[in-house]
PDB file of N, CA and C in Angstrom:
ATOM      1  N   MET A   1      63.164  -0.307  18.669  1.00  0.00           N
ATOM      2  CA  MET A   1      62.275  -1.440  18.541  1.00  0.00           C
ATOM      3  C   MET A   1      63.145  -2.665  18.283  1.00  0.00           C
ATOM      4  N   GLY A   2      63.102  -3.626  19.181  1.00  0.00           N
ATOM      5  CA  GLY A   2      63.878  -4.835  19.007  1.00  0.00           C
ATOM      6  C   GLY A   2      63.014  -5.957  18.477  1.00  0.00           C
ATOM      7  N   PHE A   3      63.612  -6.783  17.644  1.00  0.00           N
ATOM      8  CA  PHE A   3      62.901  -7.925  17.086  1.00  0.00           C
ATOM      9  C   PHE A   3      63.560  -9.201  17.573  1.00  0.00           C
ATOM     10  N   SER A   4      62.751 -10.197  17.812  1.00  0.00           N
ATOM     11  CA  SER A   4      63.258 -11.468  18.291  1.00  0.00           C
ATOM     12  C   SER A   4      63.836 -12.283  17.142  1.00  0.00           C
ATOM     13  N   ASP A   5      64.635 -13.283  17.500  1.00  0.00           N
ATOM     14  CA  ASP A   5      65.169 -14.187  16.479  1.00  0.00           C
ATOM     15  C   ASP A   5      64.036 -14.904  15.760  1.00  0.00           C
ATOM     16  N   ASN A   6      62.934 -15.143  16.472  1.00  0.00           N
ATOM     17  CA  ASN A   6      61.774 -15.798  15.863  1.00  0.00           C
ATOM     18  C   ASN A   6      61.214 -14.948  14.718  1.00  0.00           C
ATOM     19  N   PHE A   7      61.182 -13.660  14.915  1.00  0.00           N
ATOM     20  CA  PHE A   7      60.725 -12.736  13.873  1.00  0.00           C
ATOM     21  C   PHE A   7      61.598 -12.880  12.634  1.00  0.00           C
ATOM     22  N   PHE A   8      62.928 -12.857  12.836  1.00  0.00           N
ATOM     23  CA  PHE A   8      63.839 -12.955  11.703  1.00  0.00           C
ATOM     24  C   PHE A   8      63.761 -14.322  11.029  1.00  0.00           C
ATOM     25  N   LYS A   9      63.562 -15.372  11.807  1.00  0.00           N
ATOM     26  CA  LYS A   9      63.411 -16.706  11.231  1.00  0.00           C
ATOM     27  C   LYS A   9      62.154 -16.773  10.362  1.00  0.00           C
ATOM     28  N   LYS A  10      61.103 -16.122  10.799  1.00  0.00           N
ATOM     29  CA  LYS A  10      59.852 -16.081  10.046  1.00  0.00           C
ATOM     30  C   LYS A  10      60.066 -15.373   8.703  1.00  0.00           C
ATOM     31  N   ILE A  11      60.743 -14.244   8.748  1.00  0.00           N
ATOM     32  CA  ILE A  11      61.053 -13.478   7.536  1.00  0.00           C
ATOM     33  C   ILE A  11      61.953 -14.304   6.620  1.00  0.00           C
ATOM     34  N   GLU A  12      63.001 -14.880   7.197  1.00  0.00           N
ATOM     35  CA  GLU A  12      63.944 -15.652   6.392  1.00  0.00           C
ATOM     36  C   GLU A  12      63.266 -16.857   5.735  1.00  0.00           C
ATOM     37  N   GLY A  13      62.351 -17.482   6.458  1.00  0.00           N
ATOM     38  CA  GLY A  13      61.629 -18.623   5.909  1.00  0.00           C
ATOM     39  C   GLY A  13      60.736 -18.256   4.740  1.00  0.00           C
ATOM     40  N   LYS A  14      60.178 -17.052   4.775  1.00  0.00           N
ATOM     41  CA  LYS A  14      59.273 -16.625   3.701  1.00  0.00           C
ATOM     42  C   LYS A  14      60.005 -15.986   2.532  1.00  0.00           C
ATOM     43  N   THR A  15      61.207 -15.459   2.785  1.00  0.00           N
ATOM     44  CA  THR A  15      61.871 -14.681   1.737  1.00  0.00           C
ATOM     45  C   THR A  15      63.255 -15.191   1.348  1.00  0.00           C
ATOM     46  N   ASN A  16      63.827 -16.072   2.165  1.00  0.00           N
ATOM     47  CA  ASN A  16      65.213 -16.529   1.973  1.00  0.00           C
ATOM     48  C   ASN A  16      66.219 -15.389   2.099  1.00  0.00           C
ATOM     49  N   VAL A  17      65.864 -14.345   2.835  1.00  0.00           N
ATOM     50  CA  VAL A  17      66.750 -13.212   3.074  1.00  0.00           C
ATOM     51  C   VAL A  17      67.257 -13.323   4.506  1.00  0.00           C
ATOM     52  N   SER A  18      68.570 -13.258   4.670  1.00  0.00           N
ATOM     53  CA  SER A  18      69.181 -13.461   5.984  1.00  0.00           C
ATOM     54  C   SER A  18      68.930 -12.287   6.929  1.00  0.00           C
ATOM     55  N   LYS A  19      69.067 -12.566   8.207  1.00  0.00           N
ATOM     56  CA  LYS A  19      68.918 -11.546   9.247  1.00  0.00           C
ATOM     57  C   LYS A  19      69.913 -10.411   8.999  1.00  0.00           C
ATOM     58  N   ASP A  20      71.155 -10.763   8.654  1.00  0.00           N
ATOM     59  CA  ASP A  20      72.174  -9.734   8.408  1.00  0.00           C
ATOM     60  C   ASP A  20      71.786  -8.814   7.252  1.00  0.00           C
ATOM     61  N   SER A  21      71.228  -9.397   6.189  1.00  0.00           N
ATOM     62  CA  SER A  21      70.790  -8.580   5.046  1.00  0.00           C
ATOM     63  C   SER A  21      69.642  -7.661   5.438  1.00  0.00           C
ATOM     64  N   ILE A  22      68.736  -8.173   6.251  1.00  0.00           N
ATOM     65  CA  ILE A  22      67.601  -7.366   6.723  1.00  0.00           C
ATOM     66  C   ILE A  22      68.097  -6.198   7.565  1.00  0.00           C
ATOM     67  N   LEU A  23      69.025  -6.474   8.476  1.00  0.00           N
ATOM     68  CA  LEU A  23      69.551  -5.420   9.345  1.00  0.00           C
ATOM     69  C   LEU A  23      70.344  -4.385   8.549  1.00  0.00           C
ATOM     70  N   GLU A  24      71.086  -4.842   7.546  1.00  0.00           N
ATOM     71  CA  GLU A  24      71.838  -3.926   6.683  1.00  0.00           C
ATOM     72  C   GLU A  24      70.883  -2.999   5.938  1.00  0.00           C
ATOM     73  N   LEU A  25      69.806  -3.563   5.397  1.00  0.00           N
ATOM     74  CA  LEU A  25      68.809  -2.758   4.697  1.00  0.00           C
ATOM     75  C   LEU A  25      68.126  -1.790   5.661  1.00  0.00           C
ATOM     76  N   ALA A  26      67.798  -2.258   6.849  1.00  0.00           N
ATOM     77  CA  ALA A  26      67.144  -1.401   7.852  1.00  0.00           C
ATOM     78  C   ALA A  26      68.028  -0.210   8.209  1.00  0.00           C
ATOM     79  N   ASN A  27      69.323  -0.443   8.356  1.00  0.00           N
ATOM     80  CA  ASN A  27      70.247   0.657   8.656  1.00  0.00           C
ATOM     81  C   ASN A  27      70.284   1.668   7.518  1.00  0.00           C
ATOM     82  N   LYS A  28      70.274   1.175   6.277  1.00  0.00           N
ATOM     83  CA  LYS A  28      70.280   2.070   5.125  1.00  0.00           C
ATOM     84  C   LYS A  28      68.997   2.899   5.082  1.00  0.00           C
ATOM     85  N   ILE A  29      67.867   2.240   5.317  1.00  0.00           N
ATOM     86  CA  ILE A  29      66.579   2.917   5.249  1.00  0.00           C
ATOM     87  C   ILE A  29      66.473   4.019   6.298  1.00  0.00           C
ATOM     88  N   GLN A  30      67.033   3.779   7.475  1.00  0.00           N
ATOM     89  CA  GLN A  30      66.965   4.785   8.541  1.00  0.00           C
ATOM     90  C   GLN A  30      67.639   6.087   8.131  1.00  0.00           C
ATOM     91  N   LYS A  31      68.607   5.995   7.240  1.00  0.00           N
ATOM     92  CA  LYS A  31      69.353   7.174   6.816  1.00  0.00           C
ATOM     93  C   LYS A  31      68.744   7.859   5.602  1.00  0.00           C
ATOM     94  N   GLU A  32      67.734   7.251   5.025  1.00  0.00           N
ATOM     95  CA  GLU A  32      67.141   7.764   3.788  1.00  0.00           C
ATOM     96  C   GLU A  32      65.818   8.482   4.049  1.00  0.00           C
ATOM     97  N   ASP A  33      65.435   9.313   3.098  1.00  0.00           N
ATOM     98  CA  ASP A  33      64.150  10.006   3.128  1.00  0.00           C
ATOM     99  C   ASP A  33      63.146   9.149   2.362  1.00  0.00           C
ATOM    100  N   LEU A  34      62.295   8.437   3.097  1.00  0.00           N
ATOM    101  CA  LEU A  34      61.350   7.531   2.461  1.00  0.00           C
ATOM    102  C   LEU A  34      60.130   8.239   1.896  1.00  0.00           C
ATOM    103  N   LYS A  35      60.130   9.534   1.931  1.00  0.00           N
ATOM    104  CA  LYS A  35      59.077  10.296   1.250  1.00  0.00           C
ATOM    105  C   LYS A  35      59.575  10.798  -0.104  1.00  0.00           C
ATOM    106  N   ASP A  36      60.787  10.409  -0.458  1.00  0.00           N
ATOM    107  CA  ASP A  36      61.359  10.725  -1.761  1.00  0.00           C
ATOM    108  C   ASP A  36      61.100   9.539  -2.688  1.00  0.00           C
ATOM    109  N   VAL A  37      60.408   9.769  -3.777  1.00  0.00           N
ATOM    110  CA  VAL A  37      59.974   8.699  -4.681  1.00  0.00           C
ATOM    111  C   VAL A  37      61.159   7.919  -5.244  1.00  0.00           C
ATOM    112  N   GLU A  38      62.205   8.602  -5.655  1.00  0.00           N
ATOM    113  CA  GLU A  38      63.361   7.905  -6.234  1.00  0.00           C
ATOM    114  C   GLU A  38      64.054   7.023  -5.195  1.00  0.00           C
ATOM    115  N   THR A  39      64.146   7.488  -3.961  1.00  0.00           N
ATOM    116  CA  THR A  39      64.723   6.681  -2.892  1.00  0.00           C
ATOM    117  C   THR A  39      63.872   5.444  -2.662  1.00  0.00           C
ATOM    118  N   LEU A  40      62.565   5.623  -2.645  1.00  0.00           N
ATOM    119  CA  LEU A  40      61.659   4.483  -2.472  1.00  0.00           C
ATOM    120  C   LEU A  40      61.819   3.466  -3.597  1.00  0.00           C
ATOM    121  N   ARG A  41      61.943   3.942  -4.816  1.00  0.00           N
ATOM    122  CA  ARG A  41      62.123   3.033  -5.955  1.00  0.00           C
ATOM    123  C   ARG A  41      63.413   2.209  -5.783  1.00  0.00           C
ATOM    124  N   GLU A  42      64.477   2.851  -5.336  1.00  0.00           N
ATOM    125  CA  GLU A  42      65.742   2.155  -5.107  1.00  0.00           C
ATOM    126  C   GLU A  42      65.591   1.093  -4.024  1.00  0.00           C
ATOM    127  N   VAL A  43      64.927   1.438  -2.938  1.00  0.00           N
ATOM    128  CA  VAL A  43      64.735   0.496  -1.829  1.00  0.00           C
ATOM    129  C   VAL A  43      63.876  -0.689  -2.288  1.00  0.00           C
ATOM    130  N   ILE A  44      62.821  -0.415  -3.011  1.00  0.00           N
ATOM    131  CA  ILE A  44      61.929  -1.479  -3.508  1.00  0.00           C
ATOM    132  C   ILE A  44      62.706  -2.433  -4.415  1.00  0.00           C
ATOM    133  N   LYS A  45      63.525  -1.878  -5.303  1.00  0.00           N
ATOM    134  CA  LYS A  45      64.329  -2.721  -6.199  1.00  0.00           C
ATOM    135  C   LYS A  45      65.325  -3.559  -5.412  1.00  0.00           C
ATOM    136  N   GLN A  46      65.935  -2.952  -4.392  1.00  0.00           N
ATOM    137  CA  GLN A  46      66.908  -3.681  -3.580  1.00  0.00           C
ATOM    138  C   GLN A  46      66.230  -4.827  -2.829  1.00  0.00           C
ATOM    139  N   VAL A  47      65.064  -4.578  -2.260  1.00  0.00           N
ATOM    140  CA  VAL A  47      64.334  -5.626  -1.547  1.00  0.00           C
ATOM    141  C   VAL A  47      63.933  -6.742  -2.512  1.00  0.00           C
ATOM    142  N   GLY A  48      63.477  -6.374  -3.685  1.00  0.00           N
ATOM    143  CA  GLY A  48      63.121  -7.374  -4.690  1.00  0.00           C
ATOM    144  C   GLY A  48      64.304  -8.241  -5.065  1.00  0.00           C
ATOM    145  N   MET A  49      65.463  -7.620  -5.263  1.00  0.00           N
ATOM    146  CA  MET A  49      66.668  -8.370  -5.600  1.00  0.00           C
ATOM    147  C   MET A  49      67.071  -9.299  -4.461  1.00  0.00           C
ATOM    148  N   MET A  50      66.989  -8.800  -3.230  1.00  0.00           N
ATOM    149  CA  MET A  50      67.349  -9.621  -2.071  1.00  0.00           C
ATOM    150  C   MET A  50      66.458 -10.849  -1.984  1.00  0.00           C
ATOM    151  N   ALA A  51      65.196 -10.669  -2.289  1.00  0.00           N
ATOM    152  CA  ALA A  51      64.228 -11.759  -2.179  1.00  0.00           C
ATOM    153  C   ALA A  51      64.165 -12.606  -3.453  1.00  0.00           C
ATOM    154  N   GLY A  52      64.872 -12.176  -4.492  1.00  0.00           N
ATOM    155  CA  GLY A  52      64.846 -12.910  -5.746  1.00  0.00           C
ATOM    156  C   GLY A  52      63.511 -12.803  -6.466  1.00  0.00           C
ATOM    157  N   LYS A  53      62.838 -11.680  -6.274  1.00  0.00           N
ATOM    158  CA  LYS A  53      61.526 -11.448  -6.885  1.00  0.00           C
ATOM    159  C   LYS A  53      61.578 -10.202  -7.751  1.00  0.00           C
ATOM    160  N   GLU A  54      60.920 -10.274  -8.891  1.00  0.00           N
ATOM    161  CA  GLU A  54      60.801  -9.093  -9.730  1.00  0.00           C
ATOM    162  C   GLU A  54      59.568  -8.318  -9.290  1.00  0.00           C
ATOM    163  N   VAL A  55      59.734  -7.029  -9.112  1.00  0.00           N
ATOM    164  CA  VAL A  55      58.623  -6.169  -8.712  1.00  0.00           C
ATOM    165  C   VAL A  55      58.166  -5.408  -9.948  1.00  0.00           C
ATOM    166  N   SER A  56      56.924  -5.646 -10.339  1.00  0.00           N
ATOM    167  CA  SER A  56      56.393  -4.967 -11.520  1.00  0.00           C
ATOM    168  C   SER A  56      56.277  -3.466 -11.251  1.00  0.00           C
ATOM    169  N   LYS A  57      56.243  -2.695 -12.318  1.00  0.00           N
ATOM    170  CA  LYS A  57      56.093  -1.239 -12.194  1.00  0.00           C
ATOM    171  C   LYS A  57      54.778  -0.907 -11.487  1.00  0.00           C
ATOM    172  N   GLU A  58      53.738  -1.683 -11.797  1.00  0.00           N
ATOM    173  CA  GLU A  58      52.435  -1.455 -11.163  1.00  0.00           C
ATOM    174  C   GLU A  58      52.519  -1.674  -9.652  1.00  0.00           C
ATOM    175  N   LYS A  59      53.155  -2.764  -9.245  1.00  0.00           N
ATOM    176  CA  LYS A  59      53.279  -3.052  -7.814  1.00  0.00           C
ATOM    177  C   LYS A  59      54.177  -2.019  -7.133  1.00  0.00           C
ATOM    178  N   GLU A  60      55.243  -1.635  -7.810  1.00  0.00           N
ATOM    179  CA  GLU A  60      56.142  -0.605  -7.293  1.00  0.00           C
ATOM    180  C   GLU A  60      55.364   0.683  -7.027  1.00  0.00           C
ATOM    181  N   ASN A  61      54.536   1.083  -7.986  1.00  0.00           N
ATOM    182  CA  ASN A  61      53.737   2.301  -7.829  1.00  0.00           C
ATOM    183  C   ASN A  61      52.743   2.187  -6.682  1.00  0.00           C
ATOM    184  N   LYS A  62      52.148   1.003  -6.487  1.00  0.00           N
ATOM    185  CA  LYS A  62      51.210   0.797  -5.375  1.00  0.00           C
ATOM    186  C   LYS A  62      51.933   0.892  -4.036  1.00  0.00           C
ATOM    187  N   ILE A  63      53.138   0.337  -3.968  1.00  0.00           N
ATOM    188  CA  ILE A  63      53.925   0.417  -2.725  1.00  0.00           C
ATOM    189  C   ILE A  63      54.264   1.868  -2.426  1.00  0.00           C
ATOM    190  N   ILE A  64      54.702   2.593  -3.444  1.00  0.00           N
ATOM    191  CA  ILE A  64      55.058   4.003  -3.259  1.00  0.00           C
ATOM    192  C   ILE A  64      53.845   4.803  -2.805  1.00  0.00           C
ATOM    193  N   GLU A  65      52.708   4.561  -3.422  1.00  0.00           N
ATOM    194  CA  GLU A  65      51.479   5.266  -3.032  1.00  0.00           C
ATOM    195  C   GLU A  65      51.128   4.968  -1.566  1.00  0.00           C
ATOM    196  N   ALA A  66      51.264   3.710  -1.166  1.00  0.00           N
ATOM    197  CA  ALA A  66      50.951   3.331   0.220  1.00  0.00           C
ATOM    198  C   ALA A  66      51.897   4.022   1.203  1.00  0.00           C
ATOM    199  N   VAL A  67      53.182   4.057   0.874  1.00  0.00           N
ATOM    200  CA  VAL A  67      54.156   4.703   1.763  1.00  0.00           C
ATOM    201  C   VAL A  67      53.885   6.201   1.832  1.00  0.00           C
ATOM    202  N   MET A  68      53.658   6.834   0.702  1.00  0.00           N
ATOM    203  CA  MET A  68      53.438   8.285   0.674  1.00  0.00           C
ATOM    204  C   MET A  68      52.167   8.693   1.416  1.00  0.00           C
ATOM    205  N   ASN A  69      51.186   7.796   1.436  1.00  0.00           N
ATOM    206  CA  ASN A  69      49.919   8.090   2.110  1.00  0.00           C
ATOM    207  C   ASN A  69      49.822   7.457   3.491  1.00  0.00           C
ATOM    208  N   ASP A  70      50.970   7.029   4.030  1.00  0.00           N
ATOM    209  CA  ASP A  70      51.045   6.418   5.366  1.00  0.00           C
ATOM    210  C   ASP A  70      50.050   5.274   5.534  1.00  0.00           C
ATOM    211  N   LYS A  71      49.963   4.408   4.538  1.00  0.00           N
ATOM    212  CA  LYS A  71      49.050   3.267   4.604  1.00  0.00           C
ATOM    213  C   LYS A  71      49.798   1.954   4.846  1.00  0.00           C
ATOM    214  N   ILE A  72      50.980   2.051   5.425  1.00  0.00           N
ATOM    215  CA  ILE A  72      51.778   0.871   5.762  1.00  0.00           C
ATOM    216  C   ILE A  72      51.487   0.512   7.209  1.00  0.00           C
ATOM    217  N   PRO A  73      51.153  -0.760   7.485  1.00  0.00           N
ATOM    218  CA  PRO A  73      50.868  -1.163   8.872  1.00  0.00           C
ATOM    219  C   PRO A  73      52.054  -0.883   9.791  1.00  0.00           C
ATOM    220  N   LYS A  74      51.790  -0.389  10.954  1.00  0.00           N
ATOM    221  CA  LYS A  74      52.845  -0.110  11.938  1.00  0.00           C
ATOM    222  C   LYS A  74      53.228  -1.391  12.687  1.00  0.00           C
ATOM    223  N   ASP A  75      52.333  -2.369  12.715  1.00  0.00           N
ATOM    224  CA  ASP A  75      52.579  -3.648  13.377  1.00  0.00           C
ATOM    225  C   ASP A  75      53.280  -4.566  12.384  1.00  0.00           C
ATOM    226  N   MET A  76      54.543  -4.877  12.635  1.00  0.00           N
ATOM    227  CA  MET A  76      55.339  -5.679  11.706  1.00  0.00           C
ATOM    228  C   MET A  76      54.749  -7.070  11.477  1.00  0.00           C
ATOM    229  N   ASP A  77      54.071  -7.645  12.457  1.00  0.00           N
ATOM    230  CA  ASP A  77      53.464  -8.962  12.287  1.00  0.00           C
ATOM    231  C   ASP A  77      52.418  -8.955  11.178  1.00  0.00           C
ATOM    232  N   LYS A  78      51.800  -7.815  10.915  1.00  0.00           N
ATOM    233  CA  LYS A  78      50.804  -7.727   9.861  1.00  0.00           C
ATOM    234  C   LYS A  78      51.436  -7.733   8.471  1.00  0.00           C
ATOM    235  N   LEU A  79      52.739  -7.408   8.421  1.00  0.00           N
ATOM    236  CA  LEU A  79      53.430  -7.379   7.152  1.00  0.00           C
ATOM    237  C   LEU A  79      53.908  -8.739   6.709  1.00  0.00           C
ATOM    238  N   ILE A  80      54.042  -9.670   7.649  1.00  0.00           N
ATOM    239  CA  ILE A  80      54.576 -11.001   7.289  1.00  0.00           C
ATOM    240  C   ILE A  80      53.553 -12.087   7.435  1.00  0.00           C
TER     241      ILE A  80
END
């Protein structure tokens, strides 16, 4: 799945996270088991740090629940 520069500019504008950082994280995620709760917690913390946002434990748990129950939109445009 290829993403256009416009997609990355949209993400960068909303999060201040560079295209290179996004691609680095994407490569890491591809190698991880995202159905493992501890791995998900690490990824969530890393994304929060990249974006300069603190993720509350409550929000972290909601994200994990959504991922574990396959409730994450498959269309990336819906995420941004």
